[in-house]
C-alpha atoms as a PDB file:
ATOM      1  CA  MET A   1      -8.416  12.940  11.060  1.00  0.00           C
ATOM      2  CA  SER A   2      -5.013  12.556   8.663  1.00  0.00           C
ATOM      3  CA  THR A   3      -4.962  10.563   5.355  1.00  0.00           C
ATOM      4  CA  GLY A   4      -0.921  12.290   4.568  1.00  0.00           C
ATOM      5  CA  GLN A   5       1.309   9.563   2.133  1.00  0.00           C
ATOM      6  CA  LEU A   6       4.335   9.556   1.393  1.00  0.00           C
ATOM      7  CA  THR A   7       6.432  10.815  -0.646  1.00  0.00           C
ATOM      8  CA  GLU A   8       9.633   9.584  -1.934  1.00  0.00           C
ATOM      9  CA  LYS A   9      11.468  12.650  -1.115  1.00  0.00           C
ATOM     10  CA  GLN A  10      10.270  12.611   2.770  1.00  0.00           C
ATOM     11  CA  ILE A  11      11.054   8.833   2.682  1.00  0.00           C
ATOM     12  CA  ASP A  12      14.869   9.661   1.778  1.00  0.00           C
ATOM     13  CA  ALA A  13      15.444  11.815   3.755  1.00  0.00           C
ATOM     14  CA  VAL A  14      15.412   9.183   6.599  1.00  0.00           C
ATOM     15  CA  ILE A  15      16.551   7.134   4.788  1.00  0.00           C
ATOM     16  CA  ASP A  16      20.031   8.923   4.220  1.00  0.00           C
ATOM     17  CA  ILE A  17      19.240   9.860   8.217  1.00  0.00           C
ATOM     18  CA  ALA A  18      18.912   6.133   9.146  1.00  0.00           C
ATOM     19  CA  LEU A  19      22.422   5.326   6.440  1.00  0.00           C
ATOM     20  CA  GLU A  20      24.384   7.982   8.501  1.00  0.00           C
ATOM     21  CA  GLU A  21      24.473   7.000  11.357  1.00  0.00           C
ATOM     22  CA  ASP A  22      25.433   3.337  10.551  1.00  0.00           C
ATOM     23  CA  ALA A  23      27.428   3.502   7.839  1.00  0.00           C
ATOM     24  CA  GLY A  24      28.296   6.740   7.075  1.00  0.00           C
ATOM     25  CA  GLN A  25      31.807   5.915   7.790  1.00  0.00           C
ATOM     26  CA  GLY A  26      32.095   2.410   6.157  1.00  0.00           C
ATOM     27  CA  ASP A  27      31.990  -0.735   6.385  1.00  0.00           C
ATOM     28  CA  VAL A  28      35.145  -1.828   8.222  1.00  0.00           C
ATOM     29  CA  THR A  29      34.493  -5.400   8.968  1.00  0.00           C
ATOM     30  CA  SER A  30      33.440  -6.153   5.410  1.00  0.00           C
ATOM     31  CA  GLU A  31      35.927  -3.905   4.008  1.00  0.00           C
ATOM     32  CA  ALA A  32      38.885  -6.206   5.636  1.00  0.00           C
ATOM     33  CA  LEU A  33      37.363  -9.745   4.520  1.00  0.00           C
ATOM     34  CA  ILE A  34      35.402  -9.346   1.828  1.00  0.00           C
ATOM     35  CA  PRO A  35      36.877  -9.420  -1.514  1.00  0.00           C
ATOM     36  CA  THR A  36      35.589  -6.472  -3.386  1.00  0.00           C
ATOM     37  CA  ASP A  37      34.643  -8.529  -6.760  1.00  0.00           C
ATOM     38  CA  LEU A  38      32.430 -11.174  -4.625  1.00  0.00           C
ATOM     39  CA  THR A  39      28.625 -11.111  -5.440  1.00  0.00           C
ATOM     40  CA  GLY A  40      25.918 -13.391  -4.226  1.00  0.00           C
ATOM     41  CA  LYS A  41      21.712 -13.036  -3.770  1.00  0.00           C
ATOM     42  CA  ALA A  42      20.313 -12.795  -0.138  1.00  0.00           C
ATOM     43  CA  ARG A  43      17.091 -13.338   0.909  1.00  0.00           C
ATOM     44  CA  LEU A  44      14.649 -11.664   3.414  1.00  0.00           C
ATOM     45  CA  LEU A  45      13.375 -14.215   5.607  1.00  0.00           C
ATOM     46  CA  ILE A  46       9.955 -13.997   7.203  1.00  0.00           C
ATOM     47  CA  LYS A  47      10.518 -16.144  10.861  1.00  0.00           C
ATOM     48  CA  GLU A  48       7.075 -14.650  13.078  1.00  0.00           C
ATOM     49  CA  LYS A  49       3.686 -14.477  11.979  1.00  0.00           C
ATOM     50  CA  GLY A  50       2.291 -10.715  10.994  1.00  0.00           C
ATOM     51  CA  VAL A  51       1.658  -7.856   8.460  1.00  0.00           C
ATOM     52  CA  LEU A  52       4.457  -7.009   6.259  1.00  0.00           C
ATOM     53  CA  ALA A  53       5.079  -3.440   6.531  1.00  0.00           C
ATOM     54  CA  GLY A  54       8.132  -1.296   4.947  1.00  0.00           C
ATOM     55  CA  ILE A  55       9.125  -3.789   2.140  1.00  0.00           C
ATOM     56  CA  GLU A  56       9.649  -0.963  -0.186  1.00  0.00           C
ATOM     57  CA  ILE A  57      11.659   1.286   1.862  1.00  0.00           C
ATOM     58  CA  ALA A  58      13.990  -1.552   2.660  1.00  0.00           C
ATOM     59  CA  LYS A  59      14.462  -2.062  -1.563  1.00  0.00           C
ATOM     60  CA  ARG A  60      15.301   1.808  -1.541  1.00  0.00           C
ATOM     61  CA  VAL A  61      17.729   0.549   1.831  1.00  0.00           C
ATOM     62  CA  PHE A  62      19.608  -0.934  -0.247  1.00  0.00           C
ATOM     63  CA  GLN A  63      19.394   0.737  -4.201  1.00  0.00           C
ATOM     64  CA  HIS A  64      20.977   3.786  -1.904  1.00  0.00           C
ATOM     65  CA  ILE A  65      23.635   1.514  -0.869  1.00  0.00           C
ATOM     66  CA  ASP A  66      24.479   0.236  -4.617  1.00  0.00           C
ATOM     67  CA  PRO A  67      22.132   1.249  -7.339  1.00  0.00           C
ATOM     68  CA  MET A  68      23.844  -1.166  -9.426  1.00  0.00           C
ATOM     69  CA  LEU A  69      21.607  -3.678  -6.495  1.00  0.00           C
ATOM     70  CA  GLN A  70      19.120  -5.935  -8.078  1.00  0.00           C
ATOM     71  CA  VAL A  71      16.210  -6.451  -5.132  1.00  0.00           C
ATOM     72  CA  ASP A  72      12.888  -8.774  -6.275  1.00  0.00           C
ATOM     73  CA  ILE A  73      10.032  -8.076  -4.152  1.00  0.00           C
ATOM     74  CA  LEU A  74       8.701 -11.305  -3.853  1.00  0.00           C
ATOM     75  CA  ILE A  75       5.800 -10.166  -1.001  1.00  0.00           C
ATOM     76  CA  LYS A  76       3.773  -6.552  -0.655  1.00  0.00           C
ATOM     77  CA  ASP A  77       2.799  -4.638   2.162  1.00  0.00           C
ATOM     78  CA  GLY A  78       0.056  -5.190   3.917  1.00  0.00           C
ATOM     79  CA  THR A  79       0.336  -9.487   3.381  1.00  0.00           C
ATOM     80  CA  ALA A  80      -0.321 -11.760   5.270  1.00  0.00           C
ATOM     81  CA  ILE A  81       2.907 -13.420   5.893  1.00  0.00           C
ATOM     82  CA  LYS A  82       4.406 -16.338   8.482  1.00  0.00           C
ATOM     83  CA  PRO A  83       7.031 -18.045   9.362  1.00  0.00           C
ATOM     84  CA  GLY A  84       9.925 -19.346   6.383  1.00  0.00           C
ATOM     85  CA  ASP A  85       8.058 -16.806   3.731  1.00  0.00           C
ATOM     86  CA  ILE A  86      10.989 -14.754   1.510  1.00  0.00           C
ATOM     87  CA  ALA A  87       9.750 -11.211   0.927  1.00  0.00           C
ATOM     88  CA  ALA A  88      12.266 -10.286  -1.177  1.00  0.00           C
ATOM     89  CA  THR A  89      15.944 -11.371  -2.431  1.00  0.00           C
ATOM     90  CA  ILE A  90      18.906  -8.674  -3.215  1.00  0.00           C
ATOM     91  CA  ASP A  91      21.727  -9.553  -5.940  1.00  0.00           C
ATOM     92  CA  GLY A  92      24.936  -7.881  -6.184  1.00  0.00           C
ATOM     93  CA  SER A  93      28.122  -7.069  -4.653  1.00  0.00           C
ATOM     94  CA  VAL A  94      27.976  -8.755  -1.283  1.00  0.00           C
ATOM     95  CA  ILE A  95      29.542  -5.634   0.049  1.00  0.00           C
ATOM     96  CA  SER A  96      27.204  -3.063  -0.369  1.00  0.00           C
ATOM     97  CA  ILE A  97      24.317  -5.825   0.722  1.00  0.00           C
ATOM     98  CA  LEU A  98      26.014  -6.455   3.563  1.00  0.00           C
ATOM     99  CA  GLU A  99      26.327  -2.552   4.778  1.00  0.00           C
ATOM    100  CA  ALA A 100      22.368  -2.414   4.354  1.00  0.00           C
ATOM    101  CA  GLU A 101      21.658  -5.490   5.620  1.00  0.00           C
ATOM    102  CA  ARG A 102      21.045  -3.651   9.368  1.00  0.00           C
ATOM    103  CA  THR A 103      19.867  -0.559   8.583  1.00  0.00           C
ATOM    104  CA  ALA A 104      16.898  -2.411   5.716  1.00  0.00           C
ATOM    105  CA  LEU A 105      16.406  -4.506   8.355  1.00  0.00           C
ATOM    106  CA  ASN A 106      15.874  -2.044  11.171  1.00  0.00           C
ATOM    107  CA  PHE A 107      13.093  -0.532   9.098  1.00  0.00           C
ATOM    108  CA  LEU A 108      11.474  -3.376   7.791  1.00  0.00           C
ATOM    109  CA  GLN A 109      11.216  -5.285  11.158  1.00  0.00           C
ATOM    110  CA  ARG A 110       9.557  -2.735  13.074  1.00  0.00           C
ATOM    111  CA  LEU A 111       7.075  -1.051  10.304  1.00  0.00           C
ATOM    112  CA  SER A 112       6.127  -5.193  10.094  1.00  0.00           C
ATOM    113  CA  GLY A 113       5.167  -5.239  14.222  1.00  0.00           C
ATOM    114  CA  ILE A 114       3.256  -2.058  14.017  1.00  0.00           C
ATOM    115  CA  ALA A 115       1.829  -3.037  11.193  1.00  0.00           C
ATOM    116  CA  SER A 116       1.167  -6.428  12.310  1.00  0.00           C
ATOM    117  CA  LEU A 117       0.104  -5.051  15.823  1.00  0.00           C
ATOM    118  CA  THR A 118      -2.260  -2.884  14.177  1.00  0.00           C
ATOM    119  CA  ALA A 119      -3.931  -5.402  12.211  1.00  0.00           C
ATOM    120  CA  GLU A 120      -4.848  -7.596  15.958  1.00  0.00           C
ATOM    121  CA  TYR A 121      -6.624  -4.325  17.363  1.00  0.00           C
ATOM    122  CA  VAL A 122      -8.970  -4.451  13.909  1.00  0.00           C
ATOM    123  CA  ALA A 123      -9.676  -8.179  14.268  1.00  0.00           C
ATOM    124  CA  LYS A 124     -10.819  -7.521  17.501  1.00  0.00           C
ATOM    125  CA  VAL A 125     -13.459  -4.627  16.361  1.00  0.00           C
ATOM    126  CA  LYS A 126     -14.327  -6.589  13.762  1.00  0.00           C
ATOM    127  CA  GLY A 127     -18.752  -5.717  13.045  1.00  0.00           C
ATOM    128  CA  THR A 128     -18.949  -3.042  15.207  1.00  0.00           C
ATOM    129  CA  GLU A 129     -18.513   0.962  13.829  1.00  0.00           C
ATOM    130  CA  ALA A 130     -14.859   1.144  16.027  1.00  0.00           C
ATOM    131  CA  LYS A 131     -12.310   2.308  13.751  1.00  0.00           C
ATOM    132  CA  ILE A 132      -8.836   1.813  15.033  1.00  0.00           C
ATOM    133  CA  TYR A 133      -6.889   5.250  15.075  1.00  0.00           C
ATOM    134  CA  ASP A 134      -2.944   5.447  16.724  1.00  0.00           C
ATOM    135  CA  THR A 135      -1.942   8.621  18.334  1.00  0.00           C
ATOM    136  CA  ARG A 136       1.292  11.052  18.109  1.00  0.00           C
ATOM    137  CA  LYS A 137       3.206   9.170  20.093  1.00  0.00           C
ATOM    138  CA  THR A 138       5.413   7.654  18.141  1.00  0.00           C
ATOM    139  CA  THR A 139       9.413   7.344  16.905  1.00  0.00           C
ATOM    140  CA  PRO A 140      10.994  11.281  16.762  1.00  0.00           C
ATOM    141  CA  GLY A 141      11.563  11.561  13.222  1.00  0.00           C
ATOM    142  CA  LEU A 142       9.912   8.476  12.346  1.00  0.00           C
ATOM    143  CA  ARG A 143       6.295   9.497  11.995  1.00  0.00           C
ATOM    144  CA  LEU A 144       6.010   9.070   8.933  1.00  0.00           C
ATOM    145  CA  LEU A 145       6.658   5.810   8.325  1.00  0.00           C
ATOM    146  CA  GLU A 146       5.562   4.690  11.701  1.00  0.00           C
ATOM    147  CA  LYS A 147       1.685   5.921  10.841  1.00  0.00           C
ATOM    148  CA  TYR A 148       2.003   4.504   7.049  1.00  0.00           C
ATOM    149  CA  ALA A 149       2.681   0.994   8.889  1.00  0.00           C
ATOM    150  CA  VAL A 150      -0.692   1.574  11.178  1.00  0.00           C
ATOM    151  CA  ARG A 151      -2.523   2.166   7.711  1.00  0.00           C
ATOM    152  CA  ILE A 152      -0.744  -0.913   6.426  1.00  0.00           C
ATOM    153  CA  GLY A 153      -1.935  -2.905   9.196  1.00  0.00           C
ATOM    154  CA  GLY A 154      -5.391  -1.674   8.754  1.00  0.00           C
ATOM    155  CA  GLY A 155      -5.905   1.180  10.716  1.00  0.00           C
ATOM    156  CA  GLN A 156      -6.328   5.081  10.264  1.00  0.00           C
ATOM    157  CA  ASN A 157      -4.284   7.590  11.608  1.00  0.00           C
ATOM    158  CA  HIS A 158      -5.141  10.522  13.961  1.00  0.00           C
ATOM    159  CA  ARG A 159      -3.630  14.229  14.037  1.00  0.00           C
ATOM    160  CA  MET A 160       0.044  13.934  11.711  1.00  0.00           C
ATOM    161  CA  HIS A 161       0.795  16.907  13.584  1.00  0.00           C
ATOM    162  CA  LEU A 162      -0.205  19.480  15.971  1.00  0.00           C
ATOM    163  CA  ALA A 163      -1.403  22.397  13.205  1.00  0.00           C
ATOM    164  CA  GLU A 164      -3.375  19.371  11.860  1.00  0.00           C
ATOM    165  CA  ALA A 165      -6.542  19.340  14.379  1.00  0.00           C
ATOM    166  CA  VAL A 166      -7.494  20.598  17.107  1.00  0.00           C
ATOM    167  CA  LEU A 167      -7.425  18.791  20.251  1.00  0.00           C
ATOM    168  CA  ILE A 168      -7.997  20.551  23.812  1.00  0.00           C
ATOM    169  CA  LYS A 169      -6.531  18.055  25.551  1.00  0.00           C
ATOM    170  CA  ASP A 170      -6.256  18.297  29.898  1.00  0.00           C
ATOM    171  CA  ASN A 171      -3.109  20.493  30.377  1.00  0.00           C
ATOM    172  CA  HIS A 172      -5.441  23.207  28.181  1.00  0.00           C
ATOM    173  CA  ILE A 173      -8.472  22.621  30.131  1.00  0.00           C
ATOM    174  CA  ALA A 174      -6.535  23.265  33.738  1.00  0.00           C
ATOM    175  CA  ALA A 175      -4.565  26.559  32.112  1.00  0.00           C
ATOM    176  CA  LEU A 176      -8.508  28.377  30.924  1.00  0.00           C
ATOM    177  CA  ARG A 177     -10.144  26.970  34.086  1.00  0.00           C
ATOM    178  CA  ALA A 178      -7.082  28.046  36.310  1.00  0.00           C
ATOM    179  CA  MET A 179      -8.700  31.989  34.475  1.00  0.00           C
ATOM    180  CA  GLY A 180     -12.152  30.931  35.601  1.00  0.00           C
ATOM    181  CA  THR A 181     -13.272  29.681  31.621  1.00  0.00           C
ATOM    182  CA  SER A 182     -15.382  27.283  31.344  1.00  0.00           C
ATOM    183  CA  LEU A 183     -15.297  23.890  28.609  1.00  0.00           C
ATOM    184  CA  THR A 184     -18.034  25.405  27.067  1.00  0.00           C
ATOM    185  CA  ASP A 185     -16.329  29.369  26.619  1.00  0.00           C
ATOM    186  CA  ILE A 186     -13.174  27.230  25.971  1.00  0.00           C
ATOM    187  CA  LEU A 187     -14.863  25.339  22.925  1.00  0.00           C
ATOM    188  CA  ALA A 188     -15.974  28.692  21.266  1.00  0.00           C
ATOM    189  CA  LYS A 189     -13.323  30.512  21.867  1.00  0.00           C
ATOM    190  CA  ALA A 190     -11.341  27.597  19.634  1.00  0.00           C
ATOM    191  CA  ARG A 191     -14.090  27.376  16.999  1.00  0.00           C
ATOM    192  CA  LYS A 192     -13.182  31.343  16.635  1.00  0.00           C
ATOM    193  CA  ASN A 193     -10.136  31.564  16.559  1.00  0.00           C
ATOM    194  CA  ALA A 194      -8.977  28.635  14.828  1.00  0.00           C
ATOM    195  CA  PRO A 195      -8.644  28.167  11.318  1.00  0.00           C
ATOM    196  CA  GLU A 196     -12.181  27.612   9.364  1.00  0.00           C
ATOM    197  CA  GLY A 197     -12.825  24.118   8.302  1.00  0.00           C
ATOM    198  CA  ILE A 198     -10.905  22.797  11.391  1.00  0.00           C
ATOM    199  CA  SER A 199     -12.202  20.165  13.343  1.00  0.00           C
ATOM    200  CA  ILE A 200     -13.100  20.440  17.317  1.00  0.00           C
ATOM    201  CA  GLU A 201     -12.101  17.943  19.478  1.00  0.00           C
ATOM    202  CA  VAL A 202     -11.850  18.021  23.703  1.00  0.00           C
ATOM    203  CA  GLU A 203     -10.943  15.704  26.219  1.00  0.00           C
ATOM    204  CA  VAL A 204     -13.257  14.717  29.112  1.00  0.00           C
ATOM    205  CA  THR A 205     -12.606  12.019  32.087  1.00  0.00           C
ATOM    206  CA  CYS A 206     -16.526  11.711  32.989  1.00  0.00           C
ATOM    207  CA  LEU A 207     -20.326  11.925  31.626  1.00  0.00           C
ATOM    208  CA  GLU A 208     -20.632  15.966  33.481  1.00  0.00           C
ATOM    209  CA  GLU A 209     -17.342  17.272  31.431  1.00  0.00           C
ATOM    210  CA  ALA A 210     -19.355  14.817  28.458  1.00  0.00           C
ATOM    211  CA  ALA A 211     -22.341  16.350  28.588  1.00  0.00           C
ATOM    212  CA  GLU A 212     -20.475  20.316  28.425  1.00  0.00           C
ATOM    213  CA  ALA A 213     -18.650  18.854  25.545  1.00  0.00           C
ATOM    214  CA  MET A 214     -21.800  18.364  23.982  1.00  0.00           C
ATOM    215  CA  LYS A 215     -23.695  21.946  24.782  1.00  0.00           C
ATOM    216  CA  GLY A 216     -20.210  23.724  23.689  1.00  0.00           C
ATOM    217  CA  GLY A 217     -20.698  21.855  20.094  1.00  0.00           C
ATOM    218  CA  ALA A 218     -17.558  19.706  19.519  1.00  0.00           C
ATOM    219  CA  ASP A 219     -17.060  17.234  16.462  1.00  0.00           C
ATOM    220  CA  ILE A 220     -15.445  15.000  18.519  1.00  0.00           C
ATOM    221  CA  ILE A 221     -15.402  14.154  22.196  1.00  0.00           C
ATOM    222  CA  MET A 222     -12.708  11.756  23.351  1.00  0.00           C
ATOM    223  CA  LEU A 223     -13.769   9.735  26.643  1.00  0.00           C
ATOM    224  CA  ASP A 224     -10.561   9.183  28.245  1.00  0.00           C
ATOM    225  CA  ASN A 225     -10.106   6.500  30.489  1.00  0.00           C
ATOM    226  CA  MET A 226     -13.841   6.437  31.279  1.00  0.00           C
ATOM    227  CA  SER A 227     -15.391   2.892  32.497  1.00  0.00           C
ATOM    228  CA  ALA A 228     -17.460   0.917  28.839  1.00  0.00           C
ATOM    229  CA  GLY A 229     -20.176   2.063  30.790  1.00  0.00           C
ATOM    230  CA  GLU A 230     -20.468   5.790  31.226  1.00  0.00           C
ATOM    231  CA  MET A 231     -18.748   6.069  27.529  1.00  0.00           C
ATOM    232  CA  LYS A 232     -22.073   3.760  26.630  1.00  0.00           C
ATOM    233  CA  GLN A 233     -24.374   6.702  28.306  1.00  0.00           C
ATOM    234  CA  ALA A 234     -22.186   9.055  26.359  1.00  0.00           C
ATOM    235  CA  VAL A 235     -22.591   7.506  23.300  1.00  0.00           C
ATOM    236  CA  GLU A 236     -26.710   7.334  23.946  1.00  0.00           C
ATOM    237  CA  LYS A 237     -26.963  10.870  25.124  1.00  0.00           C
ATOM    238  CA  GLY A 238     -24.511  12.491  21.853  1.00  0.00           C
ATOM    239  CA  ALA A 239     -25.046   9.669  18.994  1.00  0.00           C
ATOM    240  CA  GLY A 240     -25.470  11.183  15.948  1.00  0.00           C
ATOM    241  CA  VAL A 241     -24.767  14.467  16.942  1.00  0.00           C
ATOM    242  CA  VAL A 242     -21.260  14.348  17.871  1.00  0.00           C
ATOM    243  CA  LYS A 243     -18.188  11.896  17.110  1.00  0.00           C
ATOM    244  CA  PHE A 244     -17.229   9.866  20.428  1.00  0.00           C
ATOM    245  CA  GLU A 245     -13.506   8.957  20.628  1.00  0.00           C
ATOM    246  CA  ALA A 246     -12.450   6.100  23.464  1.00  0.00           C
ATOM    247  CA  SER A 247      -8.223   6.383  25.056  1.00  0.00           C
ATOM    248  CA  GLY A 248      -6.513   5.190  27.924  1.00  0.00           C
ATOM    249  CA  GLY A 249      -5.960   2.340  29.266  1.00  0.00           C
ATOM    250  CA  ILE A 250      -7.090   0.164  25.571  1.00  0.00           C
ATOM    251  CA  THR A 251      -5.788  -2.965  25.551  1.00  0.00           C
ATOM    252  CA  LEU A 252      -6.565  -5.555  23.411  1.00  0.00           C
ATOM    253  CA  GLU A 253      -8.266  -8.057  26.182  1.00  0.00           C
ATOM    254  CA  ASN A 254     -10.868  -5.038  26.786  1.00  0.00           C
ATOM    255  CA  ILE A 255     -10.899  -3.306  23.100  1.00  0.00           C
ATOM    256  CA  ARG A 256     -13.761  -5.321  21.854  1.00  0.00           C
ATOM    257  CA  GLN A 257     -16.276  -4.261  25.209  1.00  0.00           C
ATOM    258  CA  VAL A 258     -14.730  -0.645  24.457  1.00  0.00           C
ATOM    259  CA  ALA A 259     -15.828  -0.937  20.861  1.00  0.00           C
ATOM    260  CA  MET A 260     -19.138  -2.681  21.980  1.00  0.00           C
ATOM    261  CA  THR A 261     -19.472   0.711  23.531  1.00  0.00           C
ATOM    262  CA  GLY A 262     -20.566   2.267  19.805  1.00  0.00           C
ATOM    263  CA  VAL A 263     -18.322   5.086  19.994  1.00  0.00           C
ATOM    264  CA  ASP A 264     -16.737   6.076  16.679  1.00  0.00           C
ATOM    265  CA  ILE A 265     -12.989   5.682  17.065  1.00  0.00           C
ATOM    266  CA  ILE A 266     -10.413   4.104  19.597  1.00  0.00           C
ATOM    267  CA  SER A 267      -7.820   5.649  19.638  1.00  0.00           C
ATOM    268  CA  ILE A 268      -4.439   3.057  20.949  1.00  0.00           C
ATOM    269  CA  GLY A 269      -0.836   5.200  21.879  1.00  0.00           C
ATOM    270  CA  ALA A 270       0.290   1.687  22.092  1.00  0.00           C
ATOM    271  CA  LEU A 271       0.176   0.563  18.166  1.00  0.00           C
ATOM    272  CA  THR A 272       3.767   3.082  17.588  1.00  0.00           C
ATOM    273  CA  HIS A 273       5.505   2.841  21.269  1.00  0.00           C
ATOM    274  CA  SER A 274       4.585  -0.381  22.655  1.00  0.00           C
ATOM    275  CA  TYR A 275       4.921  -2.886  19.754  1.00  0.00           C
ATOM    276  CA  LYS A 276       7.701  -5.796  19.222  1.00  0.00           C
ATOM    277  CA  ALA A 277       9.847  -5.810  15.829  1.00  0.00           C
ATOM    278  CA  LEU A 278       8.619  -8.587  14.274  1.00  0.00           C
ATOM    279  CA  ASP A 279      12.111 -11.548  13.194  1.00  0.00           C
ATOM    280  CA  ILE A 280      13.093 -11.138   9.694  1.00  0.00           C
ATOM    281  CA  SER A 281      16.500 -11.808   9.112  1.00  0.00           C
ATOM    282  CA  LEU A 282      18.830 -11.415   6.094  1.00  0.00           C
ATOM    283  CA  GLU A 283      20.104 -14.780   4.443  1.00  0.00           C
ATOM    284  CA  MET A 284      23.087 -15.064   2.100  1.00  0.00           C
ATOM    285  CA  GLU A 285      22.407 -17.977  -0.596  1.00  0.00           C
ATOM    286  CA  SER A 286      26.151 -19.139  -0.160  1.00  0.00           C
ATOM    287  CA  GLN A 287      25.520 -21.702  -3.789  1.00  0.00           C
ATOM    288  CA  THR A 288      25.120 -17.916  -5.494  1.00  0.00           C
ATOM    289  CA  LEU A 289      28.494 -16.345  -4.158  1.00  0.00           C
ATOM    290  CA  LYS A 290      31.283 -15.861  -7.069  1.00  0.00           C
ATOM    291  CA  LEU A 291      33.868 -13.766  -7.955  1.00  0.00           C
ATOM    292  CA  ILE A 292      33.637 -11.200 -10.735  1.00  0.00           C
END
């Protein structure tokens, strides 16, 4: 499983694309209305309970637009937040602040939404051995940031990309079974041909396939859309020999039941594809506005 960390180069590359699509041609509204010498202070106001994620990225957005903007972070990523909290203040050119506003908030609201949802799932399995993992069901181009937000929310990252681990899924199995290859042989072939030291995981949908995967020497067995009773039986048979991952159809309502089966990993695509952006806004402080 991935432990990848963001680099400044990676963050800046994503920010550059986001700013190009929103501000690459300028801000005709602000440029037409706001004096170029008007300065002031704005605040990033929290309007909803959750977990903050992406504040440093938001800061970089403002300073990409205008390196002279003074951005003071008041709340760090990973902090539980509530309505009325001020995450940061931005001081400087009003035109620059307004030009960066939407892109900075797009990152901050969405990453905080992912972190907040992840934290909810993590809280539901507290006291069990299960760990919450994300999937590769991420927004194209934003995977590194979204998986960062999962970590901020207390979750862990599954594969960052296809080269990180072997995961034999249903379509791999279907293609190879059509050629008469058994699951045991599929696992043996993966072990032989995959890079040395890489983990081998296989997706199964029933107890018979789980037993075959154990026999074949899988490192991790993904129990896909199986009932809690079936998961428990599989775990009892393979405890201490192989790790088990639960996946498919898992919600905040049923995750506790899944965790109690004894699985090691619960992977949830919803963390990065069905989250709700957290309500955060930028508010200008009118008393600070002045012409210089």
